[in-house]
Amino acid sequence: MKYEVTSLNTKKLFAQALKSIVIQKSFSKVTVSELIRECKVNRKTFYYHFTDVYDLLKWTLEQEAIDVVKKFDLIVDYEEVILFVIDYIEKNNKFLNNIYDSLGRDQLKRFFYTDFVGIIESLIKRAEKETNIILPHHFKSFLAAFYTEATAGIIVEWITHQEQQSKEELITYISVIFRSALPAAVKQFSENSKGNAGLPHPNSL
């Protein structure tokens, strides 16, 4: 247990060093040498915990955002989860913008995708309960991917265009879509399935 705590603290030390450096320069220019100098450890220590700087970035974003998100009741508190992620973006704006500039929109979106896929899956389950309809696995997977891609994309876009929309508006718009569109999609799919009861699923053809 003591070793696990020490290992976690070492990772957090590297994460903090990464954030300090990226605030000052492009992520693509960060080197392992800079990180180990900042943390006052040897190179072997870095590579024991991470494969490269990109791996450290992935862990940093997951540790700071995803692990906290997991503590929420996603079905009940999804608006608080979204607010948490947006607050995180505001507090780490320069860090995230420099990552955006280095990696591009799609790469950064991949990190936020993991944040939101659990939320969307939980909301789909809630929509199933509300409508008393159980969706087949293939449509649930499609629905989760569809809304997660959209949500992650909107969040990443907001990182560089915060002046165009307040966070309160953003949360309201996303919540309206979740509350109305998800149950409607569940009902519509069920009605379509009844009308096509004799047809096989496309993947079975």
N, C-alpha and C. Protein backbone atom coordinates (compact mmCIF):
# COMPACT_ATOMS: atom_id res chain seq x y z
N MET A 1 0.84 -1.21 0.00
CA MET A 1 0.00 0.00 0.00
C MET A 1 0.87 1.26 0.00
N LYS A 2 1.95 1.22 0.83
CA LYS A 2 2.85 2.36 0.91
C LYS A 2 3.51 2.62 -0.43
N TYR A 3 3.88 1.53 -1.14
CA TYR A 3 4.51 1.66 -2.45
C TYR A 3 3.56 2.31 -3.46
N GLU A 4 2.27 1.90 -3.41
CA GLU A 4 1.29 2.44 -4.33
C GLU A 4 1.13 3.94 -4.13
N VAL A 5 1.12 4.36 -2.86
CA VAL A 5 1.00 5.79 -2.56
C VAL A 5 2.21 6.55 -3.08
N THR A 6 3.40 5.98 -2.86
CA THR A 6 4.63 6.61 -3.34
C THR A 6 4.63 6.73 -4.85
N SER A 7 4.20 5.66 -5.54
CA SER A 7 4.14 5.67 -7.00
C SER A 7 3.16 6.72 -7.50
N LEU A 8 1.99 6.82 -6.85
CA LEU A 8 1.00 7.82 -7.24
C LEU A 8 1.54 9.23 -7.04
N ASN A 9 2.23 9.45 -5.92
CA ASN A 9 2.81 10.77 -5.65
C ASN A 9 3.86 11.14 -6.67
N THR A 10 4.63 10.16 -7.12
CA THR A 10 5.65 10.40 -8.15
C THR A 10 4.98 10.79 -9.47
N LYS A 11 3.92 10.09 -9.82
CA LYS A 11 3.19 10.42 -11.04
C LYS A 11 2.61 11.83 -10.96
N LYS A 12 2.07 12.18 -9.80
CA LYS A 12 1.50 13.52 -9.62
C LYS A 12 2.58 14.59 -9.73
N LEU A 13 3.76 14.27 -9.25
CA LEU A 13 4.89 15.19 -9.35
C LEU A 13 5.22 15.47 -10.81
N PHE A 14 5.26 14.41 -11.62
CA PHE A 14 5.51 14.56 -13.06
C PHE A 14 4.38 15.34 -13.74
N ALA A 15 3.14 15.07 -13.31
CA ALA A 15 1.99 15.75 -13.90
C ALA A 15 2.06 17.25 -13.63
N GLN A 16 2.41 17.61 -12.42
CA GLN A 16 2.52 19.02 -12.06
C GLN A 16 3.65 19.69 -12.84
N ALA A 17 4.76 18.96 -13.00
CA ALA A 17 5.89 19.49 -13.78
C ALA A 17 5.48 19.72 -15.23
N LEU A 18 4.73 18.77 -15.79
CA LEU A 18 4.26 18.90 -17.17
C LEU A 18 3.41 20.14 -17.33
N LYS A 19 2.48 20.35 -16.41
CA LYS A 19 1.59 21.51 -16.49
C LYS A 19 2.37 22.82 -16.39
N SER A 20 3.37 22.83 -15.50
CA SER A 20 4.18 24.04 -15.33
C SER A 20 4.95 24.37 -16.61
N ILE A 21 5.47 23.34 -17.27
CA ILE A 21 6.25 23.55 -18.48
C ILE A 21 5.36 23.93 -19.66
N VAL A 22 4.22 23.23 -19.80
CA VAL A 22 3.35 23.46 -20.96
C VAL A 22 2.71 24.85 -20.91
N ILE A 23 2.55 25.42 -19.73
CA ILE A 23 2.03 26.78 -19.63
C ILE A 23 2.99 27.76 -20.31
N GLN A 24 4.27 27.41 -20.34
CA GLN A 24 5.30 28.30 -20.86
C GLN A 24 5.67 28.01 -22.32
N LYS A 25 5.39 26.80 -22.80
CA LYS A 25 5.82 26.43 -24.16
C LYS A 25 4.89 25.38 -24.74
N SER A 26 5.05 25.12 -26.03
CA SER A 26 4.24 24.12 -26.72
C SER A 26 4.48 22.72 -26.16
N PHE A 27 3.40 21.95 -26.07
CA PHE A 27 3.53 20.57 -25.57
C PHE A 27 4.48 19.75 -26.43
N SER A 28 4.45 19.99 -27.72
CA SER A 28 5.28 19.20 -28.65
C SER A 28 6.77 19.40 -28.40
N LYS A 29 7.14 20.46 -27.69
CA LYS A 29 8.55 20.75 -27.43
C LYS A 29 9.01 20.29 -26.05
N VAL A 30 8.11 19.72 -25.27
CA VAL A 30 8.46 19.24 -23.92
C VAL A 30 9.30 17.97 -24.05
N THR A 31 10.37 17.89 -23.26
CA THR A 31 11.24 16.71 -23.29
C THR A 31 11.27 16.02 -21.93
N VAL A 32 11.64 14.76 -21.96
CA VAL A 32 11.79 14.01 -20.71
C VAL A 32 12.89 14.64 -19.85
N SER A 33 13.93 15.13 -20.48
CA SER A 33 15.03 15.77 -19.74
C SER A 33 14.54 16.94 -18.91
N GLU A 34 13.65 17.76 -19.49
CA GLU A 34 13.09 18.89 -18.75
C GLU A 34 12.28 18.41 -17.55
N LEU A 35 11.50 17.38 -17.76
CA LEU A 35 10.63 16.87 -16.70
C LEU A 35 11.44 16.31 -15.54
N ILE A 36 12.48 15.54 -15.83
CA ILE A 36 13.25 14.94 -14.74
C ILE A 36 14.06 16.02 -13.99
N ARG A 37 14.47 17.08 -14.72
CA ARG A 37 15.16 18.19 -14.05
C ARG A 37 14.20 18.91 -13.11
N GLU A 38 12.99 19.13 -13.60
CA GLU A 38 11.97 19.81 -12.80
C GLU A 38 11.61 19.01 -11.55
N CYS A 39 11.56 17.69 -11.69
CA CYS A 39 11.15 16.83 -10.57
C CYS A 39 12.34 16.36 -9.71
N LYS A 40 13.57 16.65 -10.20
CA LYS A 40 14.79 16.25 -9.48
C LYS A 40 14.85 14.73 -9.26
N VAL A 41 14.56 14.00 -10.33
CA VAL A 41 14.66 12.53 -10.30
C VAL A 41 15.47 12.09 -11.53
N ASN A 42 15.77 10.80 -11.62
CA ASN A 42 16.53 10.33 -12.78
C ASN A 42 15.60 9.86 -13.90
N ARG A 43 16.18 9.66 -15.06
CA ARG A 43 15.42 9.25 -16.25
C ARG A 43 14.71 7.91 -16.05
N LYS A 44 15.39 7.02 -15.33
CA LYS A 44 14.83 5.69 -15.09
C LYS A 44 13.50 5.79 -14.35
N THR A 45 13.39 6.73 -13.43
CA THR A 45 12.16 6.93 -12.66
C THR A 45 11.01 7.32 -13.58
N PHE A 46 11.30 8.21 -14.53
CA PHE A 46 10.25 8.60 -15.47
C PHE A 46 9.76 7.41 -16.27
N TYR A 47 10.69 6.66 -16.86
CA TYR A 47 10.29 5.56 -17.74
C TYR A 47 9.73 4.37 -16.98
N TYR A 48 9.93 4.35 -15.69
CA TYR A 48 9.28 3.31 -14.88
C TYR A 48 7.77 3.56 -14.82
N HIS A 49 7.40 4.84 -14.83
CA HIS A 49 5.98 5.20 -14.69
C HIS A 49 5.28 5.50 -16.01
N PHE A 50 6.02 6.02 -16.99
CA PHE A 50 5.41 6.43 -18.26
C PHE A 50 6.27 5.99 -19.44
N THR A 51 5.60 5.70 -20.55
CA THR A 51 6.35 5.29 -21.75
C THR A 51 6.95 6.50 -22.47
N ASP A 52 6.25 7.65 -22.42
CA ASP A 52 6.75 8.87 -23.06
C ASP A 52 5.96 10.05 -22.51
N VAL A 53 6.23 11.24 -23.04
CA VAL A 53 5.57 12.46 -22.55
C VAL A 53 4.08 12.43 -22.86
N TYR A 54 3.73 11.85 -24.01
CA TYR A 54 2.31 11.74 -24.39
C TYR A 54 1.56 10.87 -23.38
N ASP A 55 2.19 9.80 -22.93
CA ASP A 55 1.59 8.92 -21.93
C ASP A 55 1.36 9.67 -20.62
N LEU A 56 2.32 10.52 -20.26
CA LEU A 56 2.18 11.36 -19.06
C LEU A 56 1.00 12.32 -19.22
N LEU A 57 0.86 12.92 -20.40
CA LEU A 57 -0.26 13.82 -20.64
C LEU A 57 -1.58 13.09 -20.47
N LYS A 58 -1.68 11.92 -21.06
CA LYS A 58 -2.90 11.11 -20.96
C LYS A 58 -3.23 10.84 -19.50
N TRP A 59 -2.23 10.43 -18.74
CA TRP A 59 -2.46 10.13 -17.32
C TRP A 59 -2.88 11.38 -16.55
N THR A 60 -2.25 12.51 -16.87
CA THR A 60 -2.55 13.77 -16.18
C THR A 60 -4.00 14.16 -16.35
N LEU A 61 -4.48 14.13 -17.60
CA LEU A 61 -5.87 14.50 -17.87
C LEU A 61 -6.84 13.51 -17.24
N GLU A 62 -6.51 12.22 -17.30
CA GLU A 62 -7.38 11.21 -16.70
C GLU A 62 -7.43 11.37 -15.19
N GLN A 63 -6.27 11.56 -14.58
CA GLN A 63 -6.20 11.68 -13.13
C GLN A 63 -6.99 12.88 -12.63
N GLU A 64 -6.84 14.01 -13.32
CA GLU A 64 -7.46 15.25 -12.85
C GLU A 64 -8.94 15.36 -13.20
N ALA A 65 -9.35 14.75 -14.26
CA ALA A 65 -10.75 14.87 -14.69
C ALA A 65 -11.53 13.58 -14.55
N ILE A 66 -11.07 12.52 -15.17
CA ILE A 66 -11.85 11.29 -15.24
C ILE A 66 -12.06 10.67 -13.86
N ASP A 67 -11.01 10.60 -13.05
CA ASP A 67 -11.13 9.98 -11.74
C ASP A 67 -12.12 10.72 -10.84
N VAL A 68 -12.16 12.05 -10.97
CA VAL A 68 -13.12 12.84 -10.19
C VAL A 68 -14.53 12.61 -10.71
N VAL A 69 -14.66 12.56 -12.04
CA VAL A 69 -15.98 12.32 -12.64
C VAL A 69 -16.57 11.00 -12.14
N LYS A 70 -15.72 10.00 -11.95
CA LYS A 70 -16.20 8.69 -11.51
C LYS A 70 -16.82 8.72 -10.12
N LYS A 71 -16.53 9.77 -9.35
CA LYS A 71 -17.06 9.86 -7.99
C LYS A 71 -18.50 10.35 -7.96
N PHE A 72 -18.96 10.89 -9.08
CA PHE A 72 -20.34 11.37 -9.16
C PHE A 72 -21.30 10.23 -9.46
N ASP A 73 -22.55 10.42 -9.07
CA ASP A 73 -23.63 9.55 -9.55
C ASP A 73 -24.02 10.11 -10.91
N LEU A 74 -23.56 9.47 -11.97
CA LEU A 74 -23.68 10.05 -13.30
C LEU A 74 -25.13 10.24 -13.75
N ILE A 75 -26.02 9.38 -13.28
CA ILE A 75 -27.42 9.50 -13.69
C ILE A 75 -28.07 10.72 -13.04
N VAL A 76 -27.73 10.97 -11.77
CA VAL A 76 -28.35 12.06 -11.02
C VAL A 76 -27.59 13.37 -11.20
N ASP A 77 -26.28 13.28 -11.22
CA ASP A 77 -25.43 14.48 -11.14
C ASP A 77 -24.75 14.85 -12.45
N TYR A 78 -25.33 14.46 -13.60
CA TYR A 78 -24.59 14.68 -14.85
C TYR A 78 -24.32 16.15 -15.12
N GLU A 79 -25.23 17.05 -14.70
CA GLU A 79 -24.99 18.47 -14.92
C GLU A 79 -23.79 18.94 -14.08
N GLU A 80 -23.66 18.39 -12.85
CA GLU A 80 -22.52 18.73 -12.01
C GLU A 80 -21.21 18.21 -12.62
N VAL A 81 -21.29 17.04 -13.27
CA VAL A 81 -20.11 16.49 -13.94
C VAL A 81 -19.67 17.41 -15.08
N ILE A 82 -20.62 17.83 -15.90
CA ILE A 82 -20.31 18.73 -17.01
C ILE A 82 -19.73 20.04 -16.47
N LEU A 83 -20.35 20.56 -15.38
CA LEU A 83 -19.85 21.80 -14.77
C LEU A 83 -18.43 21.61 -14.27
N PHE A 84 -18.15 20.44 -13.67
CA PHE A 84 -16.80 20.16 -13.19
C PHE A 84 -15.79 20.20 -14.33
N VAL A 85 -16.13 19.56 -15.43
CA VAL A 85 -15.22 19.51 -16.58
C VAL A 85 -14.99 20.91 -17.14
N ILE A 86 -16.06 21.71 -17.22
CA ILE A 86 -15.94 23.06 -17.76
C ILE A 86 -15.12 23.94 -16.80
N ASP A 87 -15.34 23.79 -15.50
CA ASP A 87 -14.53 24.52 -14.52
C ASP A 87 -13.05 24.14 -14.65
N TYR A 88 -12.81 22.86 -14.88
CA TYR A 88 -11.43 22.38 -15.07
C TYR A 88 -10.81 23.06 -16.29
N ILE A 89 -11.58 23.18 -17.35
CA ILE A 89 -11.08 23.83 -18.57
C ILE A 89 -10.74 25.29 -18.29
N GLU A 90 -11.62 25.99 -17.53
CA GLU A 90 -11.37 27.39 -17.21
C GLU A 90 -10.10 27.56 -16.38
N LYS A 91 -9.94 26.70 -15.38
CA LYS A 91 -8.78 26.81 -14.48
C LYS A 91 -7.47 26.44 -15.18
N ASN A 92 -7.56 25.60 -16.20
CA ASN A 92 -6.36 25.12 -16.90
C ASN A 92 -6.35 25.57 -18.37
N ASN A 93 -6.88 26.76 -18.59
CA ASN A 93 -7.10 27.23 -19.96
C ASN A 93 -5.81 27.31 -20.78
N LYS A 94 -4.77 27.90 -20.22
CA LYS A 94 -3.52 28.06 -20.97
C LYS A 94 -2.88 26.70 -21.25
N PHE A 95 -2.91 25.83 -20.26
CA PHE A 95 -2.38 24.47 -20.41
C PHE A 95 -3.10 23.74 -21.55
N LEU A 96 -4.42 23.77 -21.54
CA LEU A 96 -5.21 23.05 -22.55
C LEU A 96 -5.09 23.69 -23.93
N ASN A 97 -5.01 25.01 -23.97
CA ASN A 97 -4.85 25.68 -25.27
C ASN A 97 -3.52 25.34 -25.92
N ASN A 98 -2.47 25.24 -25.10
CA ASN A 98 -1.16 24.87 -25.64
C ASN A 98 -1.15 23.42 -26.14
N ILE A 99 -1.90 22.55 -25.45
CA ILE A 99 -2.04 21.16 -25.91
C ILE A 99 -2.82 21.14 -27.23
N TYR A 100 -3.88 21.93 -27.28
CA TYR A 100 -4.70 22.04 -28.49
C TYR A 100 -3.84 22.47 -29.67
N ASP A 101 -3.01 23.49 -29.44
CA ASP A 101 -2.15 24.00 -30.52
C ASP A 101 -1.14 22.96 -30.98
N SER A 102 -0.68 22.11 -30.05
CA SER A 102 0.35 21.11 -30.39
C SER A 102 -0.24 19.86 -31.00
N LEU A 103 -1.34 19.37 -30.42
CA LEU A 103 -1.89 18.08 -30.83
C LEU A 103 -3.02 18.19 -31.83
N GLY A 104 -3.72 19.33 -31.83
CA GLY A 104 -4.87 19.47 -32.71
C GLY A 104 -6.16 19.07 -32.02
N ARG A 105 -7.25 19.41 -32.67
CA ARG A 105 -8.58 19.21 -32.09
C ARG A 105 -8.90 17.73 -31.83
N ASP A 106 -8.62 16.88 -32.82
CA ASP A 106 -9.02 15.47 -32.71
C ASP A 106 -8.29 14.74 -31.59
N GLN A 107 -7.00 15.03 -31.43
CA GLN A 107 -6.23 14.37 -30.38
C GLN A 107 -6.74 14.76 -29.00
N LEU A 108 -7.00 16.06 -28.80
CA LEU A 108 -7.50 16.51 -27.51
C LEU A 108 -8.89 15.97 -27.25
N LYS A 109 -9.69 15.88 -28.31
CA LYS A 109 -11.05 15.35 -28.16
C LYS A 109 -11.04 13.91 -27.65
N ARG A 110 -10.03 13.15 -28.03
CA ARG A 110 -9.92 11.76 -27.57
C ARG A 110 -9.86 11.68 -26.05
N PHE A 111 -9.16 12.63 -25.43
CA PHE A 111 -9.07 12.63 -23.98
C PHE A 111 -10.43 12.92 -23.34
N PHE A 112 -11.13 13.91 -23.87
CA PHE A 112 -12.42 14.26 -23.30
C PHE A 112 -13.50 13.23 -23.63
N TYR A 113 -13.30 12.47 -24.69
CA TYR A 113 -14.23 11.39 -25.04
C TYR A 113 -14.38 10.44 -23.85
N THR A 114 -13.25 10.08 -23.24
CA THR A 114 -13.28 9.16 -22.10
C THR A 114 -14.03 9.76 -20.92
N ASP A 115 -13.92 11.08 -20.77
CA ASP A 115 -14.68 11.77 -19.71
C ASP A 115 -16.18 11.52 -19.84
N PHE A 116 -16.66 11.63 -21.08
CA PHE A 116 -18.11 11.70 -21.28
C PHE A 116 -18.79 10.40 -21.63
N VAL A 117 -18.06 9.40 -22.07
CA VAL A 117 -18.73 8.17 -22.50
C VAL A 117 -19.47 7.52 -21.34
N GLY A 118 -18.90 7.56 -20.13
CA GLY A 118 -19.59 7.00 -18.96
C GLY A 118 -20.85 7.76 -18.62
N ILE A 119 -20.81 9.09 -18.77
CA ILE A 119 -22.00 9.91 -18.52
C ILE A 119 -23.11 9.54 -19.49
N ILE A 120 -22.77 9.47 -20.76
CA ILE A 120 -23.78 9.18 -21.78
C ILE A 120 -24.38 7.79 -21.58
N GLU A 121 -23.55 6.81 -21.28
CA GLU A 121 -24.06 5.45 -21.04
C GLU A 121 -25.03 5.43 -19.88
N SER A 122 -24.73 6.19 -18.82
CA SER A 122 -25.62 6.25 -17.67
C SER A 122 -26.94 6.93 -18.02
N LEU A 123 -26.87 7.97 -18.85
CA LEU A 123 -28.09 8.67 -19.25
C LEU A 123 -28.95 7.82 -20.18
N ILE A 124 -28.33 6.99 -20.98
CA ILE A 124 -29.09 6.06 -21.83
C ILE A 124 -29.84 5.06 -20.94
N LYS A 125 -29.17 4.59 -19.90
CA LYS A 125 -29.84 3.68 -18.95
C LYS A 125 -31.03 4.37 -18.30
N ARG A 126 -30.86 5.64 -17.94
CA ARG A 126 -31.96 6.38 -17.33
C ARG A 126 -33.12 6.52 -18.32
N ALA A 127 -32.80 6.80 -19.58
CA ALA A 127 -33.84 6.93 -20.61
C ALA A 127 -34.58 5.61 -20.79
N GLU A 128 -33.86 4.49 -20.70
CA GLU A 128 -34.50 3.18 -20.78
C GLU A 128 -35.48 2.98 -19.63
N LYS A 129 -35.07 3.42 -18.43
CA LYS A 129 -35.95 3.28 -17.26
C LYS A 129 -37.20 4.15 -17.42
N GLU A 130 -36.99 5.39 -17.85
CA GLU A 130 -38.10 6.33 -18.00
C GLU A 130 -39.12 5.85 -19.03
N THR A 131 -38.64 5.24 -20.10
CA THR A 131 -39.53 4.81 -21.18
C THR A 131 -39.96 3.35 -21.05
N ASN A 132 -39.36 2.66 -20.09
CA ASN A 132 -39.62 1.22 -19.89
C ASN A 132 -39.31 0.42 -21.15
N ILE A 133 -38.23 0.81 -21.81
CA ILE A 133 -37.79 0.16 -23.05
C ILE A 133 -36.33 -0.28 -22.88
N ILE A 134 -36.04 -1.52 -23.21
CA ILE A 134 -34.67 -2.02 -23.18
C ILE A 134 -34.13 -2.05 -24.61
N LEU A 135 -33.07 -1.29 -24.84
CA LEU A 135 -32.49 -1.21 -26.17
C LEU A 135 -31.53 -2.37 -26.43
N PRO A 136 -31.41 -2.82 -27.66
CA PRO A 136 -30.39 -3.83 -27.99
C PRO A 136 -29.00 -3.21 -27.85
N HIS A 137 -28.04 -4.06 -27.58
CA HIS A 137 -26.68 -3.59 -27.31
C HIS A 137 -26.10 -2.77 -28.47
N HIS A 138 -26.35 -3.20 -29.71
CA HIS A 138 -25.75 -2.51 -30.86
C HIS A 138 -26.24 -1.08 -30.98
N PHE A 139 -27.53 -0.81 -30.64
CA PHE A 139 -28.03 0.56 -30.74
C PHE A 139 -27.55 1.40 -29.56
N LYS A 140 -27.47 0.78 -28.37
CA LYS A 140 -26.94 1.50 -27.21
C LYS A 140 -25.51 1.96 -27.46
N SER A 141 -24.70 1.08 -28.05
CA SER A 141 -23.31 1.43 -28.36
C SER A 141 -23.25 2.58 -29.36
N PHE A 142 -24.11 2.50 -30.38
CA PHE A 142 -24.16 3.57 -31.39
C PHE A 142 -24.57 4.89 -30.75
N LEU A 143 -25.61 4.85 -29.91
CA LEU A 143 -26.13 6.05 -29.28
C LEU A 143 -25.07 6.68 -28.37
N ALA A 144 -24.39 5.85 -27.59
CA ALA A 144 -23.35 6.34 -26.69
C ALA A 144 -22.22 7.00 -27.49
N ALA A 145 -21.79 6.34 -28.56
CA ALA A 145 -20.71 6.90 -29.39
C ALA A 145 -21.13 8.21 -30.05
N PHE A 146 -22.36 8.24 -30.54
CA PHE A 146 -22.87 9.42 -31.24
C PHE A 146 -22.89 10.65 -30.33
N TYR A 147 -23.50 10.51 -29.15
CA TYR A 147 -23.62 11.65 -28.25
C TYR A 147 -22.30 11.99 -27.57
N THR A 148 -21.45 10.99 -27.35
CA THR A 148 -20.14 11.27 -26.75
C THR A 148 -19.26 12.04 -27.71
N GLU A 149 -19.26 11.63 -28.98
CA GLU A 149 -18.49 12.36 -29.99
C GLU A 149 -18.94 13.82 -30.06
N ALA A 150 -20.25 14.01 -30.06
CA ALA A 150 -20.80 15.37 -30.15
C ALA A 150 -20.43 16.20 -28.93
N THR A 151 -20.58 15.62 -27.74
CA THR A 151 -20.30 16.35 -26.49
C THR A 151 -18.82 16.68 -26.37
N ALA A 152 -17.97 15.69 -26.61
CA ALA A 152 -16.53 15.92 -26.53
C ALA A 152 -16.09 16.97 -27.55
N GLY A 153 -16.66 16.91 -28.74
CA GLY A 153 -16.33 17.89 -29.78
C GLY A 153 -16.72 19.31 -29.38
N ILE A 154 -17.91 19.46 -28.81
CA ILE A 154 -18.38 20.77 -28.36
C ILE A 154 -17.49 21.32 -27.25
N ILE A 155 -17.12 20.46 -26.31
CA ILE A 155 -16.28 20.88 -25.18
C ILE A 155 -14.91 21.35 -25.68
N VAL A 156 -14.31 20.58 -26.58
CA VAL A 156 -12.99 20.95 -27.11
C VAL A 156 -13.09 22.26 -27.88
N GLU A 157 -14.17 22.45 -28.64
CA GLU A 157 -14.36 23.69 -29.39
C GLU A 157 -14.47 24.87 -28.43
N TRP A 158 -15.11 24.64 -27.28
CA TRP A 158 -15.31 25.71 -26.29
C TRP A 158 -13.98 26.17 -25.69
N ILE A 159 -13.00 25.27 -25.64
CA ILE A 159 -11.69 25.61 -25.07
C ILE A 159 -11.10 26.83 -25.78
N THR A 160 -11.26 26.89 -27.09
CA THR A 160 -10.66 27.99 -27.85
C THR A 160 -11.65 29.10 -28.22
N HIS A 161 -12.92 28.93 -27.84
CA HIS A 161 -13.92 29.95 -28.19
C HIS A 161 -14.82 30.27 -26.99
N GLN A 162 -14.22 30.38 -25.83
CA GLN A 162 -15.01 30.63 -24.62
C GLN A 162 -15.73 31.97 -24.65
N GLU A 163 -15.16 32.92 -25.38
CA GLU A 163 -15.76 34.26 -25.41
C GLU A 163 -17.10 34.26 -26.16
N GLN A 164 -17.36 33.22 -26.94
CA GLN A 164 -18.59 33.19 -27.74
C GLN A 164 -19.79 32.62 -26.98
N GLN A 165 -19.53 31.98 -25.86
CA GLN A 165 -20.62 31.33 -25.13
C GLN A 165 -20.25 31.16 -23.67
N SER A 166 -21.16 31.51 -22.77
CA SER A 166 -20.88 31.34 -21.35
C SER A 166 -20.99 29.86 -20.97
N LYS A 167 -20.34 29.48 -19.88
CA LYS A 167 -20.42 28.08 -19.46
C LYS A 167 -21.84 27.71 -19.03
N GLU A 168 -22.59 28.71 -18.49
CA GLU A 168 -23.98 28.45 -18.09
C GLU A 168 -24.83 28.09 -19.31
N GLU A 169 -24.62 28.82 -20.41
CA GLU A 169 -25.35 28.52 -21.64
C GLU A 169 -24.97 27.14 -22.16
N LEU A 170 -23.69 26.85 -22.14
CA LEU A 170 -23.21 25.56 -22.66
C LEU A 170 -23.84 24.40 -21.89
N ILE A 171 -23.84 24.49 -20.55
CA ILE A 171 -24.41 23.43 -19.72
C ILE A 171 -25.91 23.30 -19.98
N THR A 172 -26.60 24.44 -20.11
CA THR A 172 -28.04 24.42 -20.37
C THR A 172 -28.34 23.74 -21.70
N TYR A 173 -27.61 24.08 -22.74
CA TYR A 173 -27.84 23.52 -24.07
C TYR A 173 -27.61 22.01 -24.07
N ILE A 174 -26.50 21.58 -23.46
CA ILE A 174 -26.19 20.15 -23.42
C ILE A 174 -27.26 19.40 -22.63
N SER A 175 -27.69 19.98 -21.51
CA SER A 175 -28.70 19.33 -20.66
C SER A 175 -30.03 19.18 -21.38
N VAL A 176 -30.42 20.22 -22.12
CA VAL A 176 -31.68 20.17 -22.88
C VAL A 176 -31.65 19.01 -23.87
N ILE A 177 -30.53 18.86 -24.56
CA ILE A 177 -30.39 17.77 -25.53
C ILE A 177 -30.49 16.42 -24.83
N PHE A 178 -29.78 16.27 -23.72
CA PHE A 178 -29.80 14.99 -22.99
C PHE A 178 -31.21 14.66 -22.50
N ARG A 179 -31.90 15.68 -21.95
CA ARG A 179 -33.22 15.43 -21.36
C ARG A 179 -34.27 15.08 -22.41
N SER A 180 -34.18 15.74 -23.56
CA SER A 180 -35.25 15.57 -24.56
C SER A 180 -34.89 14.56 -25.65
N ALA A 181 -33.70 14.67 -26.20
CA ALA A 181 -33.36 13.87 -27.38
C ALA A 181 -33.12 12.40 -27.05
N LEU A 182 -32.50 12.10 -25.92
CA LEU A 182 -32.20 10.70 -25.61
C LEU A 182 -33.48 9.86 -25.42
N PRO A 183 -34.42 10.29 -24.56
CA PRO A 183 -35.66 9.51 -24.44
C PRO A 183 -36.41 9.40 -25.77
N ALA A 184 -36.39 10.48 -26.55
CA ALA A 184 -37.07 10.46 -27.85
C ALA A 184 -36.42 9.44 -28.79
N ALA A 185 -35.10 9.37 -28.76
CA ALA A 185 -34.39 8.40 -29.61
C ALA A 185 -34.71 6.97 -29.20
N VAL A 186 -34.79 6.74 -27.89
CA VAL A 186 -35.12 5.40 -27.38
C VAL A 186 -36.52 4.99 -27.85
N LYS A 187 -37.48 5.89 -27.70
CA LYS A 187 -38.87 5.60 -28.11
C LYS A 187 -38.96 5.37 -29.62
N GLN A 188 -38.29 6.24 -30.39
CA GLN A 188 -38.36 6.15 -31.84
C GLN A 188 -37.76 4.84 -32.34
N PHE A 189 -36.64 4.44 -31.75
CA PHE A 189 -36.01 3.18 -32.15
C PHE A 189 -36.92 2.01 -31.84
N SER A 190 -37.59 2.07 -30.69
CA SER A 190 -38.50 0.99 -30.31
C SER A 190 -39.66 0.88 -31.28
N GLU A 191 -40.22 2.03 -31.67
CA GLU A 191 -41.35 2.04 -32.61
C GLU A 191 -40.90 1.52 -33.98
N ASN A 192 -39.71 1.94 -34.41
CA ASN A 192 -39.20 1.47 -35.70
C ASN A 192 -38.95 -0.03 -35.69
N SER A 193 -38.45 -0.51 -34.55
CA SER A 193 -38.15 -1.94 -34.42
C SER A 193 -39.42 -2.78 -34.50
N LYS A 194 -40.50 -2.26 -33.90
CA LYS A 194 -41.78 -2.98 -33.96
C LYS A 194 -42.30 -3.05 -35.39
N GLY A 195 -42.10 -1.94 -36.13
CA GLY A 195 -42.56 -1.90 -37.51
C GLY A 195 -41.73 -2.77 -38.44
N ASN A 196 -40.50 -3.08 -38.01
CA ASN A 196 -39.62 -3.90 -38.83
C ASN A 196 -39.24 -5.20 -38.12
N ALA A 197 -40.20 -5.73 -37.38
CA ALA A 197 -39.93 -6.89 -36.53
C ALA A 197 -39.41 -8.08 -37.31
N GLY A 198 -39.79 -8.18 -38.56
CA GLY A 198 -39.38 -9.35 -39.34
C GLY A 198 -38.04 -9.19 -40.03
N LEU A 199 -37.47 -8.00 -39.95
CA LEU A 199 -36.21 -7.74 -40.65
C LEU A 199 -35.01 -8.07 -39.79
N PRO A 200 -33.97 -8.65 -40.36
CA PRO A 200 -32.77 -8.94 -39.58
C PRO A 200 -31.94 -7.69 -39.33
N HIS A 201 -31.12 -7.72 -38.28
CA HIS A 201 -30.21 -6.61 -38.01
C HIS A 201 -29.16 -6.56 -39.13
N PRO A 202 -28.76 -5.33 -39.57
CA PRO A 202 -27.80 -5.21 -40.69
C PRO A 202 -26.52 -6.04 -40.49
N ASN A 203 -26.03 -6.15 -39.25
CA ASN A 203 -24.79 -6.87 -39.02
C ASN A 203 -24.92 -8.38 -39.24
N SER A 204 -26.18 -8.83 -39.30
CA SER A 204 -26.39 -10.27 -39.47
C SER A 204 -26.47 -10.65 -40.94
N LEU A 205 -26.49 -9.64 -41.81
CA LEU A 205 -26.61 -9.92 -43.26
C LEU A 205 -25.26 -10.32 -43.85
